[in-house]
C-alpha atoms as a PDB file:
ATOM      1  CA  MET A   1     116.178  19.316  67.179  1.00  0.00           C
ATOM      2  CA  SER A   2     114.928  22.851  66.569  1.00  0.00           C
ATOM      3  CA  PHE A   3     111.853  24.626  67.888  1.00  0.00           C
ATOM      4  CA  VAL A   4     109.624  27.335  66.477  1.00  0.00           C
ATOM      5  CA  ASP A   5     109.471  30.406  68.727  1.00  0.00           C
ATOM      6  CA  ASP A   6     105.660  30.429  69.071  1.00  0.00           C
ATOM      7  CA  VAL A   7     105.431  28.811  72.529  1.00  0.00           C
ATOM      8  CA  LYS A   8     103.880  31.827  74.257  1.00  0.00           C
ATOM      9  CA  ALA A   9     101.262  32.306  71.516  1.00  0.00           C
ATOM     10  CA  ASN A  10     100.298  28.624  71.515  1.00  0.00           C
ATOM     11  CA  VAL A  11      99.993  28.420  75.294  1.00  0.00           C
ATOM     12  CA  ALA A  12      98.015  31.663  75.475  1.00  0.00           C
ATOM     13  CA  GLY A  13      95.637  30.507  72.755  1.00  0.00           C
ATOM     14  CA  GLY A  14      95.208  27.008  74.163  1.00  0.00           C
ATOM     15  CA  GLU A  15      94.617  28.045  77.748  1.00  0.00           C
ATOM     16  CA  ALA A  16      92.990  31.471  77.321  1.00  0.00           C
ATOM     17  CA  ALA A  17      89.763  30.354  78.971  1.00  0.00           C
ATOM     18  CA  HIS A  18      91.527  28.583  81.839  1.00  0.00           C
ATOM     19  CA  ILE A  19      94.672  30.567  82.508  1.00  0.00           C
ATOM     20  CA  VAL A  20      95.338  31.682  86.066  1.00  0.00           C
ATOM     21  CA  MET A  21      97.396  34.822  86.356  1.00  0.00           C
ATOM     22  CA  LEU A  22     100.569  33.553  88.018  1.00  0.00           C
ATOM     23  CA  ALA A  23     104.192  34.261  87.269  1.00  0.00           C
ATOM     24  CA  ASP A  24     105.260  32.637  84.007  1.00  0.00           C
ATOM     25  CA  PRO A  25     107.595  29.662  84.504  1.00  0.00           C
ATOM     26  CA  PRO A  26     111.131  29.819  83.067  1.00  0.00           C
ATOM     27  CA  ALA A  27     110.095  27.690  80.054  1.00  0.00           C
ATOM     28  CA  LEU A  28     107.805  30.534  78.929  1.00  0.00           C
ATOM     29  CA  ARG A  29     110.052  33.429  79.925  1.00  0.00           C
ATOM     30  CA  ASP A  30     113.060  31.973  78.116  1.00  0.00           C
ATOM     31  CA  PRO A  31     111.901  29.133  75.796  1.00  0.00           C
ATOM     32  CA  LEU A  32     114.393  26.845  74.088  1.00  0.00           C
ATOM     33  CA  GLY A  33     115.201  27.576  70.467  1.00  0.00           C
ATOM     34  CA  HIS A  34     117.390  24.506  70.021  1.00  0.00           C
ATOM     35  CA  LEU A  35     118.139  21.386  72.038  1.00  0.00           C
ATOM     36  CA  ASP A  36     121.002  18.950  71.457  1.00  0.00           C
ATOM     37  CA  VAL A  37     119.217  15.872  72.809  1.00  0.00           C
ATOM     38  CA  ALA A  38     122.406  13.786  72.922  1.00  0.00           C
ATOM     39  CA  ALA A  39     124.333  16.448  74.864  1.00  0.00           C
ATOM     40  CA  ALA A  40     121.350  16.872  77.220  1.00  0.00           C
ATOM     41  CA  GLY A  41     121.342  13.107  77.900  1.00  0.00           C
ATOM     42  CA  ILE A  42     117.843  12.617  76.482  1.00  0.00           C
ATOM     43  CA  ALA A  43     117.412   9.067  75.200  1.00  0.00           C
ATOM     44  CA  THR A  44     113.651   8.963  74.671  1.00  0.00           C
ATOM     45  CA  ILE A  45     111.045  11.349  73.288  1.00  0.00           C
ATOM     46  CA  ILE A  46     107.405  10.331  73.575  1.00  0.00           C
ATOM     47  CA  ARG A  47     104.957  11.987  71.231  1.00  0.00           C
ATOM     48  CA  ALA A  48     101.431  10.912  71.907  1.00  0.00           C
ATOM     49  CA  THR A  49      98.136  11.692  70.254  1.00  0.00           C
ATOM     50  CA  GLY A  50      94.811  10.042  70.915  1.00  0.00           C
ATOM     51  CA  TYR A  51      91.069  10.211  71.060  1.00  0.00           C
ATOM     52  CA  ARG A  52      90.385  10.184  74.795  1.00  0.00           C
ATOM     53  CA  GLN A  53      92.096  11.018  78.057  1.00  0.00           C
ATOM     54  CA  ASP A  54      93.623   8.042  79.884  1.00  0.00           C
ATOM     55  CA  PHE A  55      96.525   8.582  82.256  1.00  0.00           C
ATOM     56  CA  ASP A  56      96.096   5.405  84.311  1.00  0.00           C
ATOM     57  CA  TRP A  57      99.554   4.271  83.192  1.00  0.00           C
ATOM     58  CA  LEU A  58     101.175   7.428  84.557  1.00  0.00           C
ATOM     59  CA  LYS A  59     102.282   6.510  88.095  1.00  0.00           C
ATOM     60  CA  VAL A  60     103.362   9.888  89.506  1.00  0.00           C
ATOM     61  CA  ASN A  61     102.217  12.292  92.216  1.00  0.00           C
ATOM     62  CA  GLY A  62     101.519  14.966  89.605  1.00  0.00           C
ATOM     63  CA  CYS A  63      97.908  14.047  88.772  1.00  0.00           C
ATOM     64  CA  ASP A  64      94.607  15.389  90.102  1.00  0.00           C
ATOM     65  CA  ALA A  65      91.691  13.366  91.544  1.00  0.00           C
ATOM     66  CA  LYS A  66      90.437  12.611  88.010  1.00  0.00           C
ATOM     67  CA  GLY A  67      93.870  11.311  87.021  1.00  0.00           C
ATOM     68  CA  ALA A  68      94.772  14.230  84.740  1.00  0.00           C
ATOM     69  CA  PRO A  69      98.272  15.749  84.912  1.00  0.00           C
ATOM     70  CA  ILE A  70      98.567  18.860  87.063  1.00  0.00           C
ATOM     71  CA  HIS A  71     100.584  21.630  85.422  1.00  0.00           C
ATOM     72  CA  GLN A  72     101.084  25.371  85.156  1.00  0.00           C
ATOM     73  CA  HIS A  73     101.507  26.548  81.574  1.00  0.00           C
ATOM     74  CA  GLY A  74     102.576  23.014  80.610  1.00  0.00           C
ATOM     75  CA  VAL A  75     105.181  22.652  83.361  1.00  0.00           C
ATOM     76  CA  SER A  76     104.330  19.687  85.585  1.00  0.00           C
ATOM     77  CA  LYS A  77     104.630  19.697  89.365  1.00  0.00           C
ATOM     78  CA  GLU A  78     106.407  16.351  88.887  1.00  0.00           C
ATOM     79  CA  PRO A  79     110.163  17.076  88.534  1.00  0.00           C
ATOM     80  CA  GLY A  80     111.205  16.903  84.886  1.00  0.00           C
ATOM     81  CA  GLY A  81     107.625  16.561  83.640  1.00  0.00           C
ATOM     82  CA  ALA A  82     105.855  18.628  81.024  1.00  0.00           C
ATOM     83  CA  CYS A  83     102.428  18.636  79.387  1.00  0.00           C
ATOM     84  CA  VAL A  84     101.811  19.556  75.785  1.00  0.00           C
ATOM     85  CA  ALA A  85      98.380  20.403  74.373  1.00  0.00           C
ATOM     86  CA  ARG A  86      96.684  19.912  77.755  1.00  0.00           C
ATOM     87  CA  PRO A  87      94.116  22.277  79.227  1.00  0.00           C
ATOM     88  CA  ALA A  88      94.905  23.920  82.549  1.00  0.00           C
ATOM     89  CA  ALA A  89      93.788  22.016  85.625  1.00  0.00           C
ATOM     90  CA  GLU A  90      90.451  23.119  87.049  1.00  0.00           C
END
């Protein structure tokens, strides 16, 4: 699996109106360019698209009162979690 090196630009563009000036997490300071999923022990990749927000199925402590995932620049407060194409929490 390979990744395009436009993570910072995409995050900045997607969250420009909501971004809080905090220290960038490691995933933004040093983003992956390549990931050997087998060597990393990753067995499942979930890619989800949809028409409305519904995280009722997500049973973790990393969601706000409305049930939306809490994250900073896409990095979840839930260990090992990440959010893609999600606005910053209000």
